[in-house]
Amino acid sequence: MTDNALAKAPAVREVLRQGSVDALAGFGEDEITTLCALLRRLNENLDRMVAE
């Protein structure tokens, strides 16, 4: 990464972290775990579709 990008990385990480917090507001830990597992499976299916 460029020096400019490295300098901006902490701010970008914070924006992404806050977005995740906001998007998952009201979800329990079990629900977040389930959601992540489902999204991983969905992504694997999409990867397979692209590879075909």
Protein backbone atom coordinates (compact mmCIF):
# COMPACT_ATOMS: atom_id res chain seq x y z
CA MET A 1 0.00 0.00 0.00
CA THR A 2 1.09 3.56 -0.55
CA ASP A 3 2.05 5.80 2.34
CA ASN A 4 -1.14 7.78 1.73
CA ALA A 5 -3.27 4.63 1.95
CA LEU A 6 -1.45 3.46 5.09
CA ALA A 7 -2.10 6.82 6.72
CA LYS A 8 -5.84 6.51 6.01
CA ALA A 9 -6.17 2.85 7.00
CA PRO A 10 -7.04 3.41 10.70
CA ALA A 11 -9.90 5.76 9.80
CA VAL A 12 -11.18 3.34 7.19
CA ARG A 13 -11.06 0.46 9.70
CA GLU A 14 -13.04 2.52 12.19
CA VAL A 15 -15.73 3.36 9.62
CA LEU A 16 -16.04 -0.32 8.71
CA ARG A 17 -16.18 -1.34 12.38
CA GLN A 18 -18.89 1.20 13.14
CA GLY A 19 -20.86 0.10 10.10
CA SER A 20 -20.77 -3.49 11.36
CA VAL A 21 -21.88 -2.40 14.83
CA ASP A 22 -24.78 -0.42 13.37
CA ALA A 23 -25.84 -3.17 10.94
CA LEU A 24 -25.84 -5.83 13.66
CA ALA A 25 -27.59 -3.75 16.32
CA GLY A 26 -30.11 -5.88 18.18
CA PHE A 27 -28.59 -9.19 17.04
CA GLY A 28 -27.50 -11.66 19.69
CA GLU A 29 -24.14 -13.43 19.57
CA ASP A 30 -25.80 -16.67 18.38
CA GLU A 31 -27.61 -14.80 15.62
CA ILE A 32 -24.39 -13.15 14.47
CA THR A 33 -22.64 -16.53 14.44
CA THR A 34 -25.47 -18.04 12.39
CA LEU A 35 -25.53 -15.10 9.99
CA CYS A 36 -21.77 -15.35 9.41
CA ALA A 37 -22.01 -19.09 8.74
CA LEU A 38 -24.85 -18.57 6.27
CA LEU A 39 -23.00 -15.78 4.48
CA ARG A 40 -19.88 -17.97 4.21
CA ARG A 41 -21.96 -20.75 2.63
CA LEU A 42 -23.58 -18.28 0.25
CA ASN A 43 -20.17 -16.95 -0.77
CA GLU A 44 -18.90 -20.50 -1.39
CA ASN A 45 -21.92 -21.17 -3.62
CA LEU A 46 -21.28 -17.97 -5.56
CA ASP A 47 -17.60 -18.86 -5.95
CA ARG A 48 -18.60 -22.25 -7.37
CA MET A 49 -21.05 -20.61 -9.77
CA VAL A 50 -18.37 -18.25 -11.08
CA ALA A 51 -15.89 -21.11 -11.51
CA GLU A 52 -18.31 -23.15 -13.65
